[in-house]
PDB file of N, CA and C in Angstrom:
ATOM      1  N   UNK A   1      19.008  -6.905 -12.470  1.00  0.00           N
ATOM      2  CA  UNK A   1      18.118  -6.064 -12.742  1.00  0.00           C
ATOM      3  C   UNK A   1      16.973  -5.653 -11.722  1.00  0.00           C
ATOM      4  N   UNK A   2      16.283  -6.695 -11.748  1.00  0.00           N
ATOM      5  CA  UNK A   2      15.534  -6.353 -10.383  1.00  0.00           C
ATOM      6  C   UNK A   2      15.765  -5.251  -9.063  1.00  0.00           C
ATOM      7  N   UNK A   3      17.017  -6.381  -8.610  1.00  0.00           N
ATOM      8  CA  UNK A   3      17.746  -5.725  -8.079  1.00  0.00           C
ATOM      9  C   UNK A   3      18.316  -3.853  -7.966  1.00  0.00           C
ATOM     10  N   UNK A   4      18.797  -4.253  -9.014  1.00  0.00           N
ATOM     11  CA  UNK A   4      19.560  -2.261  -9.085  1.00  0.00           C
ATOM     12  C   UNK A   4      18.004  -1.291  -9.505  1.00  0.00           C
ATOM     13  N   UNK A   5      16.995  -1.899  -9.925  1.00  0.00           N
ATOM     14  CA  UNK A   5      15.625  -1.007  -9.411  1.00  0.00           C
ATOM     15  C   UNK A   5      15.182  -0.766  -8.453  1.00  0.00           C
ATOM     16  N   UNK A   6      15.014  -1.568  -7.573  1.00  0.00           N
ATOM     17  CA  UNK A   6      14.811  -1.549  -6.245  1.00  0.00           C
ATOM     18  C   UNK A   6      15.496  -0.904  -5.255  1.00  0.00           C
ATOM     19  N   UNK A   7      16.820  -1.159  -5.396  1.00  0.00           N
ATOM     20  CA  UNK A   7      17.797  -0.202  -4.519  1.00  0.00           C
ATOM     21  C   UNK A   7      17.393   1.283  -4.865  1.00  0.00           C
ATOM     22  N   UNK A   8      16.531   1.939  -6.133  1.00  0.00           N
ATOM     23  CA  UNK A   8      16.212   3.422  -6.375  1.00  0.00           C
ATOM     24  C   UNK A   8      14.886   3.500  -5.278  1.00  0.00           C
ATOM     25  N   UNK A   9      14.270   2.546  -4.762  1.00  0.00           N
ATOM     26  CA  UNK A   9      13.034   2.821  -4.167  1.00  0.00           C
ATOM     27  C   UNK A   9      13.391   3.162  -2.503  1.00  0.00           C
ATOM     28  N   UNK A  10      12.591   4.406  -1.988  1.00  0.00           N
ATOM     29  CA  UNK A  10      13.444   4.914  -1.100  1.00  0.00           C
ATOM     30  C   UNK A  10      11.933   4.915   0.167  1.00  0.00           C
ATOM     31  N   UNK A  11      10.998   4.874  -0.285  1.00  0.00           N
ATOM     32  CA  UNK A  11       9.546   4.577   0.068  1.00  0.00           C
ATOM     33  C   UNK A  11       8.470   4.258  -0.798  1.00  0.00           C
ATOM     34  N   UNK A  12       7.603   3.607   0.190  1.00  0.00           N
ATOM     35  CA  UNK A  12       6.510   3.509  -0.170  1.00  0.00           C
ATOM     36  C   UNK A  12       5.069   4.067   0.441  1.00  0.00           C
ATOM     37  N   UNK A  13       4.303   4.523  -0.538  1.00  0.00           N
ATOM     38  CA  UNK A  13       2.969   5.533   0.211  1.00  0.00           C
ATOM     39  C   UNK A  13       1.721   4.408  -0.168  1.00  0.00           C
ATOM     40  N   UNK A  14       1.143   4.383   0.897  1.00  0.00           N
ATOM     41  CA  UNK A  14      -0.162   3.646   1.260  1.00  0.00           C
ATOM     42  C   UNK A  14      -1.566   4.196   1.232  1.00  0.00           C
ATOM     43  N   UNK A  15      -2.027   4.628   0.198  1.00  0.00           N
ATOM     44  CA  UNK A  15      -3.443   5.236   0.243  1.00  0.00           C
ATOM     45  C   UNK A  15      -4.770   4.189   0.565  1.00  0.00           C
ATOM     46  N   UNK A  16      -5.569   4.706   1.315  1.00  0.00           N
ATOM     47  CA  UNK A  16      -6.854   3.433   1.625  1.00  0.00           C
ATOM     48  C   UNK A  16      -8.211   4.651   1.317  1.00  0.00           C
ATOM     49  N   UNK A  17      -8.989   4.532   0.712  1.00  0.00           N
ATOM     50  CA  UNK A  17     -10.143   5.391   0.101  1.00  0.00           C
ATOM     51  C   UNK A  17     -11.092   4.883   0.199  1.00  0.00           C
ATOM     52  N   UNK A  18     -12.153   5.123   1.167  1.00  0.00           N
ATOM     53  CA  UNK A  18     -13.374   4.385   0.789  1.00  0.00           C
ATOM     54  C   UNK A  18     -14.420   4.959  -0.235  1.00  0.00           C
ATOM     55  N   UNK A  19     -14.835   4.029  -1.185  1.00  0.00           N
ATOM     56  CA  UNK A  19     -15.777   4.056  -2.079  1.00  0.00           C
ATOM     57  C   UNK A  19     -17.445   3.974  -2.287  1.00  0.00           C
ATOM     58  N   UNK A  20     -18.286   3.674  -2.761  1.00  0.00           N
ATOM     59  CA  UNK A  20     -19.450   3.804  -2.975  1.00  0.00           C
ATOM     60  C   UNK A  20     -19.865   3.171  -1.596  1.00  0.00           C
ATOM     61  N   UNK A  21     -20.485   4.230  -0.700  1.00  0.00           N
ATOM     62  CA  UNK A  21     -21.272   4.297   0.529  1.00  0.00           C
ATOM     63  C   UNK A  21     -20.612   3.774   1.810  1.00  0.00           C
ATOM     64  N   UNK A  22     -19.996   4.398   1.849  1.00  0.00           N
ATOM     65  CA  UNK A  22     -19.085   4.200   2.777  1.00  0.00           C
ATOM     66  C   UNK A  22     -19.176   5.426   3.816  1.00  0.00           C
ATOM     67  N   UNK A  23     -20.192   5.746   4.747  1.00  0.00           N
ATOM     68  CA  UNK A  23     -20.386   6.940   5.372  1.00  0.00           C
ATOM     69  C   UNK A  23     -19.363   7.024   6.840  1.00  0.00           C
ATOM     70  N   UNK A  24     -19.232   8.264   7.158  1.00  0.00           N
ATOM     71  CA  UNK A  24     -18.177   8.603   8.023  1.00  0.00           C
ATOM     72  C   UNK A  24     -16.547   7.895   8.148  1.00  0.00           C
ATOM     73  N   UNK A  25     -16.265   7.166   6.994  1.00  0.00           N
ATOM     74  CA  UNK A  25     -15.204   6.924   6.576  1.00  0.00           C
ATOM     75  C   UNK A  25     -13.998   7.644   6.367  1.00  0.00           C
ATOM     76  N   UNK A  26     -13.245   7.878   6.877  1.00  0.00           N
ATOM     77  CA  UNK A  26     -11.940   8.669   6.189  1.00  0.00           C
ATOM     78  C   UNK A  26     -11.209   8.106   5.616  1.00  0.00           C
ATOM     79  N   UNK A  27     -10.772   8.973   4.892  1.00  0.00           N
ATOM     80  CA  UNK A  27      -9.217   8.337   3.745  1.00  0.00           C
ATOM     81  C   UNK A  27      -8.443   8.510   4.156  1.00  0.00           C
ATOM     82  N   UNK A  28      -7.104   7.052   4.350  1.00  0.00           N
ATOM     83  CA  UNK A  28      -6.164   7.263   5.143  1.00  0.00           C
ATOM     84  C   UNK A  28      -4.783   7.197   4.611  1.00  0.00           C
ATOM     85  N   UNK A  29      -3.542   7.439   4.210  1.00  0.00           N
ATOM     86  CA  UNK A  29      -2.330   7.464   3.854  1.00  0.00           C
ATOM     87  C   UNK A  29      -1.369   7.238   5.089  1.00  0.00           C
ATOM     88  N   UNK A  30      -0.541   6.090   4.495  1.00  0.00           N
ATOM     89  CA  UNK A  30       0.426   5.635   5.326  1.00  0.00           C
ATOM     90  C   UNK A  30       1.738   5.472   4.512  1.00  0.00           C
ATOM     91  N   UNK A  31       2.881   5.700   5.152  1.00  0.00           N
ATOM     92  CA  UNK A  31       4.678   6.207   4.565  1.00  0.00           C
ATOM     93  C   UNK A  31       5.107   5.191   5.231  1.00  0.00           C
ATOM     94  N   UNK A  32       5.976   4.510   4.470  1.00  0.00           N
ATOM     95  CA  UNK A  32       7.013   3.119   4.817  1.00  0.00           C
ATOM     96  C   UNK A  32       8.166   3.560   4.311  1.00  0.00           C
ATOM     97  N   UNK A  33       9.359   4.263   4.806  1.00  0.00           N
ATOM     98  CA  UNK A  33      10.756   4.547   4.730  1.00  0.00           C
ATOM     99  C   UNK A  33      11.288   3.061   4.704  1.00  0.00           C
ATOM    100  N   UNK A  34      11.810   2.876   3.461  1.00  0.00           N
ATOM    101  CA  UNK A  34      12.822   1.667   3.202  1.00  0.00           C
ATOM    102  C   UNK A  34      14.134   1.929   3.096  1.00  0.00           C
ATOM    103  N   UNK A  35      14.606   3.327   2.983  1.00  0.00           N
ATOM    104  CA  UNK A  35      15.986   3.939   2.819  1.00  0.00           C
ATOM    105  C   UNK A  35      17.199   2.814   3.287  1.00  0.00           C
ATOM    106  N   UNK A  36      16.805   2.548   4.711  1.00  0.00           N
ATOM    107  CA  UNK A  36      18.132   1.653   5.636  1.00  0.00           C
ATOM    108  C   UNK A  36      17.631   0.118   5.128  1.00  0.00           C
ATOM    109  N   UNK A  37      16.869  -0.213   4.482  1.00  0.00           N
ATOM    110  CA  UNK A  37      16.671  -1.606   4.477  1.00  0.00           C
ATOM    111  C   UNK A  37      17.595  -2.642   4.237  1.00  0.00           C
ATOM    112  N   UNK A  38      18.841  -2.391   3.380  1.00  0.00           N
ATOM    113  CA  UNK A  38      19.852  -3.617   3.012  1.00  0.00           C
ATOM    114  C   UNK A  38      19.697  -4.457   1.897  1.00  0.00           C
ATOM    115  N   UNK A  39      18.958  -4.144   0.868  1.00  0.00           N
ATOM    116  CA  UNK A  39      18.756  -4.550  -0.553  1.00  0.00           C
ATOM    117  C   UNK A  39      19.650  -5.567  -1.058  1.00  0.00           C
ATOM    118  N   UNK A  40      19.522  -6.679  -0.851  1.00  0.00           N
ATOM    119  CA  UNK A  40      20.435  -7.954  -1.655  1.00  0.00           C
ATOM    120  C   UNK A  40      19.565  -8.422  -2.479  1.00  0.00           C
ATOM    121  N   UNK A  41      20.319  -9.424  -3.008  1.00  0.00           N
ATOM    122  CA  UNK A  41      20.019 -10.704  -4.377  1.00  0.00           C
ATOM    123  C   UNK A  41      18.618 -11.524  -3.430  1.00  0.00           C
ATOM    124  N   UNK A  42      18.813 -11.765  -2.339  1.00  0.00           N
ATOM    125  CA  UNK A  42      18.169 -12.730  -1.555  1.00  0.00           C
ATOM    126  C   UNK A  42      16.974 -11.702  -0.824  1.00  0.00           C
ATOM    127  N   UNK A  43      16.981 -10.707  -0.560  1.00  0.00           N
ATOM    128  CA  UNK A  43      16.290  -9.773   0.039  1.00  0.00           C
ATOM    129  C   UNK A  43      16.206  -8.501  -1.086  1.00  0.00           C
ATOM    130  N   UNK A  44      15.178  -8.727  -2.257  1.00  0.00           N
ATOM    131  CA  UNK A  44      14.962  -7.714  -3.116  1.00  0.00           C
ATOM    132  C   UNK A  44      13.953  -6.892  -2.552  1.00  0.00           C
ATOM    133  N   UNK A  45      12.754  -7.681  -1.526  1.00  0.00           N
ATOM    134  CA  UNK A  45      11.852  -6.465  -1.779  1.00  0.00           C
ATOM    135  C   UNK A  45      11.333  -7.043   0.316  1.00  0.00           C
ATOM    136  N   UNK A  46      11.349  -5.922   0.322  1.00  0.00           N
ATOM    137  CA  UNK A  46      10.840  -5.840   1.750  1.00  0.00           C
ATOM    138  C   UNK A  46       9.389  -6.229   2.019  1.00  0.00           C
ATOM    139  N   UNK A  47       9.164  -6.522   3.562  1.00  0.00           N
ATOM    140  CA  UNK A  47       8.098  -7.538   4.142  1.00  0.00           C
ATOM    141  C   UNK A  47       7.441  -6.311   4.844  1.00  0.00           C
ATOM    142  N   UNK A  48       6.019  -6.202   4.703  1.00  0.00           N
ATOM    143  CA  UNK A  48       5.203  -5.013   5.893  1.00  0.00           C
ATOM    144  C   UNK A  48       4.243  -5.903   6.109  1.00  0.00           C
ATOM    145  N   UNK A  49       3.807  -6.111   7.546  1.00  0.00           N
ATOM    146  CA  UNK A  49       2.829  -6.418   8.401  1.00  0.00           C
ATOM    147  C   UNK A  49       1.989  -5.425   8.862  1.00  0.00           C
ATOM    148  N   UNK A  50       0.766  -5.096   8.388  1.00  0.00           N
ATOM    149  CA  UNK A  50       0.224  -3.915   8.323  1.00  0.00           C
ATOM    150  C   UNK A  50      -1.224  -4.508   9.254  1.00  0.00           C
ATOM    151  N   UNK A  51      -1.431  -4.077  10.575  1.00  0.00           N
ATOM    152  CA  UNK A  51      -2.931  -4.518  10.940  1.00  0.00           C
ATOM    153  C   UNK A  51      -3.671  -3.387  11.603  1.00  0.00           C
ATOM    154  N   UNK A  52      -4.938  -3.327  11.342  1.00  0.00           N
ATOM    155  CA  UNK A  52      -5.824  -2.423  12.097  1.00  0.00           C
ATOM    156  C   UNK A  52      -7.353  -3.012  12.582  1.00  0.00           C
ATOM    157  N   UNK A  53      -8.015  -2.230  13.701  1.00  0.00           N
ATOM    158  CA  UNK A  53      -9.233  -2.830  14.089  1.00  0.00           C
ATOM    159  C   UNK A  53     -10.236  -1.927  13.749  1.00  0.00           C
ATOM    160  N   UNK A  54      -9.753  -0.421  13.130  1.00  0.00           N
ATOM    161  CA  UNK A  54     -10.838   0.761  13.071  1.00  0.00           C
ATOM    162  C   UNK A  54     -10.900   1.455  11.853  1.00  0.00           C
ATOM    163  N   UNK A  55     -10.002   0.948  10.821  1.00  0.00           N
ATOM    164  CA  UNK A  55      -9.380   1.343  10.122  1.00  0.00           C
ATOM    165  C   UNK A  55     -10.776   1.057   8.419  1.00  0.00           C
ATOM    166  N   UNK A  56     -11.144  -0.191   8.456  1.00  0.00           N
ATOM    167  CA  UNK A  56     -12.016  -0.491   7.765  1.00  0.00           C
ATOM    168  C   UNK A  56     -13.352  -0.933   8.210  1.00  0.00           C
ATOM    169  N   UNK A  57     -14.692  -0.473   7.715  1.00  0.00           N
ATOM    170  CA  UNK A  57     -16.062  -0.976   7.955  1.00  0.00           C
ATOM    171  C   UNK A  57     -15.830  -2.447   7.288  1.00  0.00           C
ATOM    172  N   UNK A  58     -17.170  -3.589   7.874  1.00  0.00           N
ATOM    173  CA  UNK A  58     -17.381  -4.710   7.479  1.00  0.00           C
ATOM    174  C   UNK A  58     -18.265  -3.820   6.030  1.00  0.00           C
ATOM    175  N   UNK A  59     -18.426  -5.130   5.173  1.00  0.00           N
ATOM    176  CA  UNK A  59     -19.130  -4.649   4.016  1.00  0.00           C
ATOM    177  C   UNK A  59     -18.859  -3.501   2.885  1.00  0.00           C
ATOM    178  N   UNK A  60     -17.528  -2.877   3.387  1.00  0.00           N
ATOM    179  CA  UNK A  60     -17.451  -1.565   2.530  1.00  0.00           C
ATOM    180  C   UNK A  60     -16.526  -1.714   1.643  1.00  0.00           C
ATOM    181  N   UNK A  61     -16.940  -1.140   0.592  1.00  0.00           N
ATOM    182  CA  UNK A  61     -16.119  -0.973  -0.867  1.00  0.00           C
ATOM    183  C   UNK A  61     -14.690  -0.108   0.001  1.00  0.00           C
ATOM    184  N   UNK A  62     -13.642  -0.178  -1.063  1.00  0.00           N
ATOM    185  CA  UNK A  62     -12.674   0.400  -0.629  1.00  0.00           C
ATOM    186  C   UNK A  62     -11.444   0.243  -2.076  1.00  0.00           C
ATOM    187  N   UNK A  63     -10.639   1.592  -2.260  1.00  0.00           N
ATOM    188  CA  UNK A  63      -9.628   1.874  -3.041  1.00  0.00           C
ATOM    189  C   UNK A  63      -8.499   1.587  -2.551  1.00  0.00           C
ATOM    190  N   UNK A  64      -7.321   0.644  -3.132  1.00  0.00           N
ATOM    191  CA  UNK A  64      -6.301   0.611  -1.908  1.00  0.00           C
ATOM    192  C   UNK A  64      -5.098   0.881  -3.090  1.00  0.00           C
ATOM    193  N   UNK A  65      -4.236   2.054  -2.803  1.00  0.00           N
ATOM    194  CA  UNK A  65      -3.214   1.953  -4.009  1.00  0.00           C
ATOM    195  C   UNK A  65      -1.969   2.217  -3.358  1.00  0.00           C
ATOM    196  N   UNK A  66      -1.297   1.739  -3.708  1.00  0.00           N
ATOM    197  CA  UNK A  66       0.247   1.376  -3.378  1.00  0.00           C
ATOM    198  C   UNK A  66       1.538   2.323  -4.336  1.00  0.00           C
ATOM    199  N   UNK A  67       2.159   3.360  -3.991  1.00  0.00           N
ATOM    200  CA  UNK A  67       3.043   3.942  -4.941  1.00  0.00           C
ATOM    201  C   UNK A  67       4.231   4.021  -4.365  1.00  0.00           C
ATOM    202  N   UNK A  68       5.350   3.628  -5.008  1.00  0.00           N
ATOM    203  CA  UNK A  68       6.865   3.435  -4.906  1.00  0.00           C
ATOM    204  C   UNK A  68       7.655   4.790  -5.257  1.00  0.00           C
ATOM    205  N   UNK A  69       8.257   5.341  -4.222  1.00  0.00           N
ATOM    206  CA  UNK A  69       8.867   6.837  -3.793  1.00  0.00           C
ATOM    207  C   UNK A  69      10.221   6.274  -4.309  1.00  0.00           C
ATOM    208  N   UNK A  70      11.076   7.105  -5.320  1.00  0.00           N
ATOM    209  CA  UNK A  70      10.280   8.522  -5.824  1.00  0.00           C
ATOM    210  C   UNK A  70       9.945   7.815  -6.989  1.00  0.00           C
ATOM    211  N   UNK A  71       9.080   8.341  -7.707  1.00  0.00           N
ATOM    212  CA  UNK A  71       8.308   7.833  -8.824  1.00  0.00           C
ATOM    213  C   UNK A  71       9.410   7.837 -10.188  1.00  0.00           C
ATOM    214  N   UNK A  72       9.024   6.815 -11.017  1.00  0.00           N
ATOM    215  CA  UNK A  72       9.999   6.445 -12.050  1.00  0.00           C
ATOM    216  C   UNK A  72       9.030   6.819 -13.409  1.00  0.00           C
ATOM    217  N   UNK A  73       9.505   7.471 -13.799  1.00  0.00           N
ATOM    218  CA  UNK A  73       9.482   7.381 -15.559  1.00  0.00           C
ATOM    219  C   UNK A  73       9.133   6.599 -16.537  1.00  0.00           C
ATOM    220  N   UNK A  74      10.119   5.579 -16.017  1.00  0.00           N
ATOM    221  CA  UNK A  74      10.372   4.088 -16.661  1.00  0.00           C
ATOM    222  C   UNK A  74       9.072   3.070 -16.470  1.00  0.00           C
ATOM    223  N   UNK A  75       8.612   3.217 -15.347  1.00  0.00           N
ATOM    224  CA  UNK A  75       7.564   2.302 -14.903  1.00  0.00           C
ATOM    225  C   UNK A  75       6.825   2.749 -14.082  1.00  0.00           C
ATOM    226  N   UNK A  76       5.322   2.206 -14.186  1.00  0.00           N
ATOM    227  CA  UNK A  76       4.488   2.361 -13.361  1.00  0.00           C
ATOM    228  C   UNK A  76       4.538   2.740 -12.012  1.00  0.00           C
ATOM    229  N   UNK A  77       4.145   3.981 -11.457  1.00  0.00           N
ATOM    230  CA  UNK A  77       4.773   3.934  -9.979  1.00  0.00           C
ATOM    231  C   UNK A  77       3.872   3.348  -8.679  1.00  0.00           C
ATOM    232  N   UNK A  78       2.712   2.907  -9.458  1.00  0.00           N
ATOM    233  CA  UNK A  78       1.367   2.166  -8.284  1.00  0.00           C
ATOM    234  C   UNK A  78       0.579   1.055  -8.670  1.00  0.00           C
ATOM    235  N   UNK A  79       0.280   0.697  -7.579  1.00  0.00           N
ATOM    236  CA  UNK A  79      -0.801  -0.364  -7.882  1.00  0.00           C
ATOM    237  C   UNK A  79      -2.088  -0.039  -7.210  1.00  0.00           C
ATOM    238  N   UNK A  80      -3.279  -0.282  -7.879  1.00  0.00           N
ATOM    239  CA  UNK A  80      -4.467  -0.015  -7.401  1.00  0.00           C
ATOM    240  C   UNK A  80      -5.565  -0.920  -7.412  1.00  0.00           C
ATOM    241  N   UNK A  81      -5.829  -1.584  -6.392  1.00  0.00           N
ATOM    242  CA  UNK A  81      -7.021  -2.246  -6.035  1.00  0.00           C
ATOM    243  C   UNK A  81      -7.991  -2.161  -5.687  1.00  0.00           C
ATOM    244  N   UNK A  82      -9.155  -2.385  -6.350  1.00  0.00           N
ATOM    245  CA  UNK A  82     -10.572  -2.063  -5.130  1.00  0.00           C
ATOM    246  C   UNK A  82     -11.065  -3.458  -4.795  1.00  0.00           C
ATOM    247  N   UNK A  83     -11.634  -3.186  -3.390  1.00  0.00           N
ATOM    248  CA  UNK A  83     -11.721  -4.179  -2.649  1.00  0.00           C
ATOM    249  C   UNK A  83     -12.870  -4.401  -1.893  1.00  0.00           C
ATOM    250  N   UNK A  84     -13.819  -5.249  -1.324  1.00  0.00           N
ATOM    251  CA  UNK A  84     -14.721  -5.278  -0.492  1.00  0.00           C
ATOM    252  C   UNK A  84     -14.314  -5.944   0.732  1.00  0.00           C
ATOM    253  N   UNK A  85     -14.859  -5.489   1.749  1.00  0.00           N
ATOM    254  CA  UNK A  85     -14.322  -5.792   3.262  1.00  0.00           C
ATOM    255  C   UNK A  85     -15.552  -7.070   3.247  1.00  0.00           C
ATOM    256  N   UNK A  86     -14.862  -8.507   4.292  1.00  0.00           N
ATOM    257  CA  UNK A  86     -16.075  -9.215   4.328  1.00  0.00           C
ATOM    258  C   UNK A  86     -17.319  -8.459   5.010  1.00  0.00           C
ATOM    259  N   UNK A  87     -18.412  -9.410   5.300  1.00  0.00           N
ATOM    260  CA  UNK A  87     -19.434  -9.659   6.034  1.00  0.00           C
ATOM    261  C   UNK A  87     -19.336  -9.450   7.277  1.00  0.00           C
ATOM    262  N   UNK A  88     -19.645  -8.682   8.446  1.00  0.00           N
ATOM    263  CA  UNK A  88     -19.699  -8.976   9.723  1.00  0.00           C
ATOM    264  C   UNK A  88     -20.079  -9.961   9.996  1.00  0.00           C
ATOM    265  N   UNK A  89     -19.023 -11.476  10.754  1.00  0.00           N
ATOM    266  CA  UNK A  89     -19.361 -12.409  11.222  1.00  0.00           C
ATOM    267  C   UNK A  89     -20.580 -12.262  12.262  1.00  0.00           C
ATOM    268  N   UNK A  90     -20.257 -11.716  13.064  1.00  0.00           N
ATOM    269  CA  UNK A  90     -21.215 -11.429  14.597  1.00  0.00           C
ATOM    270  C   UNK A  90     -23.065 -11.334  14.037  1.00  0.00           C
TER     271      UNK A  90
END
């Protein structure tokens, strides 16, 4: 069942939006194409490694949303998390 549902996913959209008190921080949007991923029972979900040194500000709050594409009427197509970045260690 999981594999059948996963094979219909063509891409993921990642949105990062600053919330309360983040000045000068723009919203960002990224697309991850998984049409050539090669879904199998052992490989039912792709793994992405995402790193940045300039996208986030220390001690700032962000709303991070991950959408599966195309949208599904049967399932909720997104996950939303609110998070606070750590304080500056310096």
